[in-house]
Amino acid sequence: MSKGPDARHPAGEDRRDPLFVLNMHRNFTGVSATAAAVTSRQQDRYDLRLVGGPLPGCPEPIGFREAIRLTRTPPPGRPFHIWHVRRNPEMRAGIFARDVLRLPVRLVFTSSAQRRHSLLPRWLIARMDAIVATTPAAADFVPNVREVVPHGVDIERFHPAEDRARAWAATGYPGTAGIATIGRIRPEKGTDRFVETMIRALPHLPGHTALVIGKATKEHSGFLERLRQSVAEAGLEGRILFPGEAPAETMPDLIRSLSLLVALPRYEGYGVTPLEAMASGVPFVASDEGWFETFSGGGACGEIIAGGNPEAAARAAVEILSDASRYADLAEAARRRAVEHFSVAAEAEAINRIYETLWSESAQTRL
């Protein structure tokens, strides 16, 4: 970017273009994690305002009313403000601002779902000004896709531990090594598959402790109770733990302390936890959902399990963790592939180009 004054930004003003990122979800989810990673990278380039709830590494959020106030008039030298939205409530808020209040706003939406959206999301998505799809498969289900931009991972925040055994000991969990699944506790996320996998695998992995990191909503409290009962019946209460949701700021330390990440969802639009593990030098075992097959690099970084079968997943976990040479190769390849192919810096730059294209197209239309 030019550092000299220009017509769009008079001398003495912040020369960065404004950008509004909406985060209107009370929980920290996978969408939150990907939004945080990109937004933290964008704040040096744009005069960035986070609207709604906080995200780690991002500016202090402002309220929706303040966002409305700040976008009543176009920014200097630009015909409109850009609001980046990622969920239904955020799309609704953006449409209200643009179409009801008639504010100079354009809406950019990130879509990762690899299935047909239900009626309301389809209606909302059709009214976005530009869509970023995270995979070619996701692009097939939405209109007006400007570019396919895979989610990336912050390779500086997520990095390998200097001493994994010491990192695990620092977590305070029992045993000498850790395995985890991370995500909401519910059937769609395959939490039951993970528990069954660990019931089969842990007898062959002395010293390993399994963690179910995440929480169950009230709707899935019975599902969680059945999982706890299965663990108790297997006599593994001390080795398969349910510590609940981990704060976002502690997640990098937790993931780099693991020896293996397991992700066996029945459906996943993209799935970022294997990427976070890869950047941390942690191999993974995953179902053939989301974009996990592409992450794995043909098995160089982890094992893909057809149908998320727990018996096959348990066998893969034991084989990986019982072969020191293979494990070292997987861990090294995982970190290298995350750095070379799935950096959040590359994701942020691709999204920034979409913003610039929108502004440029509008300027050309006025000529």
Protein backbone atom coordinates (compact mmCIF):
# COMPACT_ATOMS: atom_id res chain seq x y z
CA MET A 1 0.00 0.00 0.00
CA SER A 2 1.15 3.53 -0.71
CA LYS A 3 2.33 5.41 2.36
CA GLY A 4 1.88 8.90 0.92
CA PRO A 5 -1.31 10.99 1.19
CA ASP A 6 -3.96 10.47 -1.47
CA ALA A 7 -7.36 11.81 -2.40
CA ARG A 8 -9.16 9.07 -0.54
CA HIS A 9 -7.37 9.73 2.75
CA PRO A 10 -6.49 13.34 3.58
CA ALA A 11 -3.25 13.97 5.44
CA GLY A 12 -3.51 13.19 9.13
CA GLU A 13 -6.25 10.54 8.75
CA ASP A 14 -5.91 6.77 9.05
CA ARG A 15 -5.13 5.78 5.46
CA ARG A 16 -6.47 2.29 5.82
CA ASP A 17 -9.84 1.44 4.32
CA PRO A 18 -12.51 0.44 6.86
CA LEU A 19 -13.63 -3.18 7.16
CA PHE A 20 -16.43 -4.52 9.36
CA VAL A 21 -16.31 -8.18 10.45
CA LEU A 22 -19.47 -9.48 12.13
CA ASN A 23 -19.30 -12.13 14.85
CA MET A 24 -22.80 -12.61 16.24
CA HIS A 25 -22.56 -16.00 17.93
CA ARG A 26 -22.38 -16.46 21.67
CA ASN A 27 -20.15 -19.56 21.48
CA PHE A 28 -16.64 -20.00 20.11
CA THR A 29 -17.07 -22.45 17.24
CA GLY A 30 -15.07 -23.62 14.25
CA VAL A 31 -16.47 -20.66 12.33
CA SER A 32 -15.24 -18.40 15.14
CA ALA A 33 -11.77 -19.91 14.96
CA THR A 34 -11.45 -19.38 11.23
CA ALA A 35 -12.86 -15.85 11.48
CA ALA A 36 -10.43 -14.99 14.26
CA ALA A 37 -7.44 -16.28 12.31
CA VAL A 38 -8.28 -14.24 9.20
CA THR A 39 -9.42 -11.12 11.04
CA SER A 40 -6.27 -10.95 13.15
CA ARG A 41 -4.29 -10.90 9.89
CA GLN A 42 -6.44 -8.20 8.31
CA GLN A 43 -6.25 -5.61 11.06
CA ASP A 44 -2.88 -4.23 9.91
CA ARG A 45 -4.22 -3.63 6.41
CA TYR A 46 -7.68 -2.30 7.21
CA ASP A 47 -9.25 -0.01 9.78
CA LEU A 48 -11.00 -3.06 11.13
CA ARG A 49 -14.08 -3.09 13.34
CA LEU A 50 -15.24 -6.34 14.93
CA VAL A 51 -19.01 -6.25 15.45
CA GLY A 52 -20.64 -8.45 18.09
CA GLY A 53 -18.66 -10.81 20.29
CA PRO A 54 -14.91 -10.91 20.92
CA LEU A 55 -12.43 -13.02 18.98
CA PRO A 56 -8.90 -13.85 20.16
CA GLY A 57 -6.18 -11.69 18.64
CA CYS A 58 -8.72 -9.23 17.22
CA PRO A 59 -9.75 -5.67 18.13
CA GLU A 60 -12.22 -5.05 20.94
CA PRO A 61 -15.71 -5.49 19.46
CA ILE A 62 -18.29 -2.79 18.95
CA GLY A 63 -22.06 -3.13 19.01
CA PHE A 64 -24.37 -3.36 16.02
CA ARG A 65 -25.75 0.14 16.63
CA GLU A 66 -22.24 1.55 16.56
CA ALA A 67 -21.56 -0.27 13.30
CA ILE A 68 -24.70 1.31 11.86
CA ARG A 69 -23.56 4.76 12.99
CA LEU A 70 -20.10 4.30 11.46
CA THR A 71 -21.48 3.23 8.08
CA ARG A 72 -24.12 5.91 7.52
CA THR A 73 -21.89 7.59 4.95
CA PRO A 74 -19.37 6.03 2.54
CA PRO A 75 -15.72 5.91 3.62
CA PRO A 76 -13.29 8.43 2.06
CA GLY A 77 -12.76 7.62 -1.61
CA ARG A 78 -14.85 4.45 -1.50
CA PRO A 79 -18.49 4.07 -2.61
CA PHE A 80 -19.42 1.70 0.23
CA HIS A 81 -18.29 -0.12 3.34
CA ILE A 82 -17.66 -3.86 3.31
CA TRP A 83 -19.21 -6.07 5.96
CA HIS A 84 -17.87 -9.65 6.07
CA VAL A 85 -20.43 -12.12 7.41
CA ARG A 86 -20.23 -15.85 8.07
CA ARG A 87 -23.52 -16.93 9.73
CA ASN A 88 -27.27 -16.52 9.29
CA PRO A 89 -27.73 -13.82 12.00
CA GLU A 90 -24.88 -11.83 10.48
CA MET A 91 -26.37 -12.07 6.99
CA ARG A 92 -29.73 -10.89 8.37
CA ALA A 93 -28.04 -7.95 10.11
CA GLY A 94 -26.20 -7.01 6.93
CA ILE A 95 -29.31 -7.20 4.76
CA PHE A 96 -31.16 -5.01 7.28
CA ALA A 97 -28.38 -2.42 7.17
CA ARG A 98 -28.08 -2.43 3.39
CA ASP A 99 -31.68 -2.90 2.22
CA VAL A 100 -33.84 -1.51 5.03
CA LEU A 101 -31.67 1.30 6.37
CA ARG A 102 -30.22 1.91 2.88
CA LEU A 103 -26.68 2.21 4.19
CA PRO A 104 -23.73 2.18 1.77
CA VAL A 105 -22.77 -1.40 2.61
CA ARG A 106 -21.80 -4.47 0.56
CA LEU A 107 -21.91 -7.95 2.05
CA VAL A 108 -19.25 -10.63 1.62
CA PHE A 109 -20.15 -14.12 2.87
CA THR A 110 -17.89 -17.11 3.50
CA SER A 111 -19.54 -20.48 2.72
CA SER A 112 -18.10 -23.87 3.63
CA ALA A 113 -21.16 -26.16 3.63
CA GLN A 114 -20.83 -29.04 1.19
CA ARG A 115 -24.55 -29.73 0.95
CA ARG A 116 -27.70 -27.91 -0.12
CA HIS A 117 -28.60 -25.17 2.32
CA SER A 118 -32.06 -25.08 3.85
CA LEU A 119 -34.62 -22.51 2.71
CA LEU A 120 -33.73 -19.54 4.96
CA PRO A 121 -29.94 -19.71 4.39
CA ARG A 122 -30.54 -20.03 0.64
CA TRP A 123 -32.66 -16.87 0.70
CA LEU A 124 -30.03 -15.00 2.69
CA ILE A 125 -27.08 -16.23 0.63
CA ALA A 126 -28.78 -15.23 -2.63
CA ARG A 127 -28.71 -11.64 -1.38
CA MET A 128 -24.99 -11.47 -0.69
CA ASP A 129 -22.86 -9.23 -2.91
CA ALA A 130 -19.96 -11.69 -3.08
CA ILE A 131 -19.33 -15.19 -1.77
CA VAL A 132 -16.08 -16.84 -0.78
CA ALA A 133 -16.31 -20.64 -0.97
CA THR A 134 -13.80 -22.62 1.06
CA THR A 135 -13.76 -25.59 -1.33
CA PRO A 136 -14.82 -26.36 -4.91
CA ALA A 137 -17.51 -28.64 -3.45
CA ALA A 138 -18.89 -25.78 -1.33
CA ALA A 139 -18.92 -23.52 -4.40
CA ASP A 140 -21.36 -25.90 -6.10
CA PHE A 141 -24.10 -25.04 -3.57
CA VAL A 142 -24.03 -21.23 -3.61
CA PRO A 143 -24.36 -18.47 -6.25
CA ASN A 144 -22.09 -15.53 -6.98
CA VAL A 145 -18.85 -17.20 -5.88
CA ARG A 146 -15.96 -14.82 -6.47
CA GLU A 147 -13.17 -17.21 -5.52
CA VAL A 148 -12.48 -20.54 -3.81
CA VAL A 149 -10.28 -19.78 -0.81
CA PRO A 150 -9.43 -22.64 1.57
CA HIS A 151 -9.39 -21.85 5.27
CA GLY A 152 -5.90 -21.47 6.64
CA VAL A 153 -4.28 -21.81 10.03
CA ASP A 154 -2.15 -19.31 11.94
CA ILE A 155 1.20 -21.08 11.67
CA GLU A 156 2.78 -18.71 14.19
CA ARG A 157 0.13 -19.21 16.86
CA PHE A 158 -0.08 -22.96 16.21
CA HIS A 159 3.40 -24.44 16.18
CA PRO A 160 5.07 -27.65 17.43
CA ALA A 161 6.05 -28.01 21.07
CA GLU A 162 9.74 -28.01 21.89
CA ASP A 163 9.12 -30.98 24.17
CA ARG A 164 5.74 -32.66 23.69
CA ALA A 165 5.95 -34.77 26.85
CA ARG A 166 6.65 -31.69 28.94
CA ALA A 167 3.86 -29.79 27.16
CA TRP A 168 1.42 -32.58 27.99
CA ALA A 169 2.53 -32.66 31.63
CA ALA A 170 1.88 -28.90 31.81
CA THR A 171 -1.81 -29.44 30.92
CA GLY A 172 -2.38 -31.19 34.24
CA TYR A 173 -4.16 -34.12 32.64
CA PRO A 174 -3.13 -37.63 33.71
CA GLY A 175 -0.90 -39.98 31.78
CA THR A 176 2.18 -39.34 29.70
CA ALA A 177 0.56 -38.43 26.37
CA GLY A 178 -2.73 -37.16 25.01
CA ILE A 179 -5.23 -37.85 22.24
CA ALA A 180 -8.20 -35.57 21.65
CA THR A 181 -11.24 -34.79 19.60
CA ILE A 182 -12.34 -31.16 19.56
CA GLY A 183 -15.79 -29.85 18.79
CA ARG A 184 -19.39 -29.73 19.92
CA ILE A 185 -20.54 -32.96 21.56
CA ARG A 186 -23.25 -34.29 19.29
CA PRO A 187 -23.83 -37.16 16.83
CA GLU A 188 -23.05 -35.05 13.73
CA LYS A 189 -19.56 -34.40 15.07
CA GLY A 190 -19.00 -38.11 15.66
CA THR A 191 -18.21 -37.80 19.36
CA ASP A 192 -19.58 -41.31 19.91
CA ARG A 193 -17.24 -42.61 17.21
CA PHE A 194 -14.30 -41.08 19.06
CA VAL A 195 -15.34 -42.63 22.36
CA GLU A 196 -15.75 -46.06 20.76
CA THR A 197 -12.38 -45.63 19.01
CA MET A 198 -10.68 -44.83 22.29
CA ILE A 199 -12.37 -47.71 24.12
CA ARG A 200 -10.81 -50.00 21.51
CA ALA A 201 -7.42 -48.26 21.27
CA LEU A 202 -6.43 -47.27 24.81
CA PRO A 203 -5.83 -50.82 26.10
CA HIS A 204 -3.02 -50.95 23.50
CA LEU A 205 -1.67 -47.49 24.34
CA PRO A 206 -0.47 -47.44 27.95
CA GLY A 207 0.08 -43.94 29.29
CA HIS A 208 -2.25 -42.23 26.82
CA THR A 209 -5.25 -40.20 27.97
CA ALA A 210 -8.15 -39.30 25.66
CA LEU A 211 -9.91 -35.94 25.87
CA VAL A 212 -13.32 -34.94 24.54
CA ILE A 213 -12.85 -31.18 24.23
CA GLY A 214 -16.17 -29.43 23.74
CA LYS A 215 -19.57 -29.03 25.30
CA ALA A 216 -22.99 -30.50 24.76
CA THR A 217 -26.03 -28.28 24.46
CA LYS A 218 -29.12 -29.13 26.49
CA GLU A 219 -30.50 -30.87 23.42
CA HIS A 220 -27.58 -33.34 23.47
CA SER A 221 -27.22 -33.81 27.23
CA GLY A 222 -28.67 -37.32 26.98
CA PHE A 223 -26.18 -38.15 24.21
CA LEU A 224 -23.33 -37.02 26.48
CA GLU A 225 -24.66 -39.07 29.38
CA ARG A 226 -24.74 -42.19 27.21
CA LEU A 227 -21.12 -41.58 26.21
CA ARG A 228 -20.09 -41.29 29.86
CA GLN A 229 -21.94 -44.52 30.59
CA SER A 230 -20.09 -46.31 27.78
CA VAL A 231 -16.77 -45.13 29.20
CA ALA A 232 -17.74 -46.30 32.68
CA GLU A 233 -18.81 -49.71 31.41
CA ALA A 234 -15.41 -50.05 29.72
CA GLY A 235 -13.67 -49.19 32.99
CA LEU A 236 -11.90 -46.19 31.40
CA GLU A 237 -13.28 -43.27 33.45
CA GLY A 238 -9.75 -42.20 34.35
CA ARG A 239 -8.47 -42.36 30.77
CA ILE A 240 -11.32 -40.92 28.67
CA LEU A 241 -12.14 -37.51 30.08
CA PHE A 242 -14.80 -34.90 29.33
CA PRO A 243 -13.25 -31.61 30.48
CA GLY A 244 -15.69 -29.45 28.53
CA GLU A 245 -14.95 -26.52 26.27
CA ALA A 246 -11.41 -25.11 26.30
CA PRO A 247 -10.96 -21.32 26.18
CA ALA A 248 -9.85 -20.19 22.74
CA GLU A 249 -6.68 -18.61 24.08
CA THR A 250 -5.51 -21.95 25.58
CA MET A 251 -6.18 -24.01 22.45
CA PRO A 252 -2.72 -23.66 20.83
CA ASP A 253 -0.96 -24.93 23.96
CA LEU A 254 -3.42 -27.78 24.32
CA ILE A 255 -3.17 -28.93 20.69
CA ARG A 256 0.63 -28.89 20.57
CA SER A 257 0.69 -31.03 23.72
CA LEU A 258 -1.24 -33.81 21.94
CA SER A 259 0.26 -36.84 20.28
CA LEU A 260 -2.74 -37.38 18.00
CA LEU A 261 -5.90 -35.56 16.97
CA VAL A 262 -8.97 -37.60 16.01
CA ALA A 263 -11.86 -36.14 14.00
CA LEU A 264 -14.61 -38.57 12.96
CA PRO A 265 -17.65 -36.43 12.07
CA ARG A 266 -20.61 -37.74 10.11
CA TYR A 267 -20.78 -34.38 8.37
CA GLU A 268 -18.28 -31.55 8.18
CA GLY A 269 -18.30 -28.58 5.83
CA TYR A 270 -14.57 -28.02 6.12
CA GLY A 271 -13.11 -28.80 9.53
CA VAL A 272 -10.26 -26.72 10.91
CA THR A 273 -9.04 -28.77 13.89
CA PRO A 274 -6.89 -31.13 11.78
CA LEU A 275 -5.21 -28.05 10.28
CA GLU A 276 -4.47 -26.69 13.73
CA ALA A 277 -3.02 -30.06 14.66
CA MET A 278 -0.92 -30.18 11.48
CA ALA A 279 0.54 -26.74 12.16
CA SER A 280 1.38 -28.00 15.65
CA GLY A 281 3.21 -31.02 14.26
CA VAL A 282 0.46 -33.39 15.39
CA PRO A 283 -0.74 -36.16 13.01
CA PHE A 284 -4.45 -36.89 12.76
CA VAL A 285 -6.92 -39.70 12.16
CA ALA A 286 -10.11 -38.50 10.47
CA SER A 287 -13.25 -39.63 8.69
CA ASP A 288 -13.66 -39.04 4.98
CA GLU A 289 -15.75 -35.89 5.53
CA GLY A 290 -14.96 -32.20 5.24
CA TRP A 291 -11.71 -31.45 3.46
CA PHE A 292 -9.68 -33.93 5.52
CA GLU A 293 -8.52 -36.02 2.57
CA THR A 294 -6.95 -32.96 0.98
CA PHE A 295 -5.34 -31.98 4.27
CA SER A 296 -3.73 -35.39 4.60
CA GLY A 297 -1.72 -35.06 1.39
CA GLY A 298 -2.45 -38.62 0.39
CA GLY A 299 -1.77 -39.93 3.88
CA ALA A 300 1.45 -38.01 4.44
CA CYS A 301 0.03 -36.17 7.47
CA GLY A 302 -2.64 -38.48 8.79
CA GLU A 303 -4.94 -41.41 8.19
CA ILE A 304 -8.35 -41.10 6.52
CA ILE A 305 -10.95 -43.61 7.69
CA ALA A 306 -13.76 -44.55 5.31
CA GLY A 307 -17.10 -43.90 6.97
CA GLY A 308 -15.36 -42.92 10.22
CA ASN A 309 -15.38 -46.58 11.28
CA PRO A 310 -14.24 -46.74 14.95
CA GLU A 311 -12.58 -50.14 14.61
CA ALA A 312 -10.46 -48.93 11.68
CA ALA A 313 -9.79 -45.61 13.44
CA ALA A 314 -8.59 -47.42 16.57
CA ARG A 315 -6.30 -49.62 14.51
CA ALA A 316 -4.86 -46.57 12.73
CA ALA A 317 -4.31 -44.70 16.00
CA VAL A 318 -2.48 -47.62 17.58
CA GLU A 319 -0.31 -48.15 14.50
CA ILE A 320 0.67 -44.48 14.28
CA LEU A 321 1.45 -44.12 17.97
CA SER A 322 3.34 -47.42 18.16
CA ASP A 323 5.76 -46.70 15.31
CA ALA A 324 8.19 -43.96 16.34
CA SER A 325 9.76 -43.63 12.88
CA ARG A 326 6.45 -43.34 11.06
CA TYR A 327 5.17 -40.96 13.70
CA ALA A 328 8.13 -38.64 13.25
CA ASP A 329 7.60 -38.61 9.48
CA LEU A 330 3.90 -37.81 9.85
CA ALA A 331 4.55 -35.04 12.37
CA GLU A 332 7.19 -33.39 10.20
CA ALA A 333 5.09 -33.66 7.05
CA ALA A 334 2.04 -32.27 8.87
CA ARG A 335 3.82 -29.09 9.91
CA ARG A 336 5.43 -28.63 6.51
CA ARG A 337 2.14 -29.10 4.63
CA ALA A 338 0.30 -26.64 6.89
CA VAL A 339 3.00 -24.02 6.32
CA GLU A 340 3.23 -24.53 2.55
CA HIS A 341 -0.44 -25.02 1.64
CA PHE A 342 -2.75 -23.84 4.43
CA SER A 343 -1.35 -20.62 5.86
CA VAL A 344 -3.95 -18.13 7.07
CA ALA A 345 -1.82 -15.37 5.57
CA ALA A 346 -2.60 -16.72 2.10
CA GLU A 347 -6.30 -16.99 2.96
CA ALA A 348 -6.46 -13.41 4.22
CA GLU A 349 -4.68 -12.08 1.15
CA ALA A 350 -7.08 -13.87 -1.20
CA ILE A 351 -10.09 -12.47 0.69
CA ASN A 352 -8.57 -8.99 0.62
CA ARG A 353 -8.37 -9.22 -3.18
CA ILE A 354 -12.12 -9.86 -3.30
CA TYR A 355 -12.79 -6.68 -1.32
CA GLU A 356 -10.52 -4.68 -3.62
CA THR A 357 -12.25 -6.14 -6.67
CA LEU A 358 -15.68 -5.11 -5.36
CA TRP A 359 -14.50 -1.55 -4.79
CA SER A 360 -12.75 -1.48 -8.17
CA GLU A 361 -15.81 -2.75 -10.05
CA SER A 362 -17.97 -0.07 -8.46
CA ALA A 363 -15.47 2.63 -9.41
CA GLN A 364 -15.42 1.42 -13.02
CA THR A 365 -19.23 1.38 -13.16
CA ARG A 366 -19.35 5.05 -12.19
CA LEU A 367 -16.96 6.05 -15.00
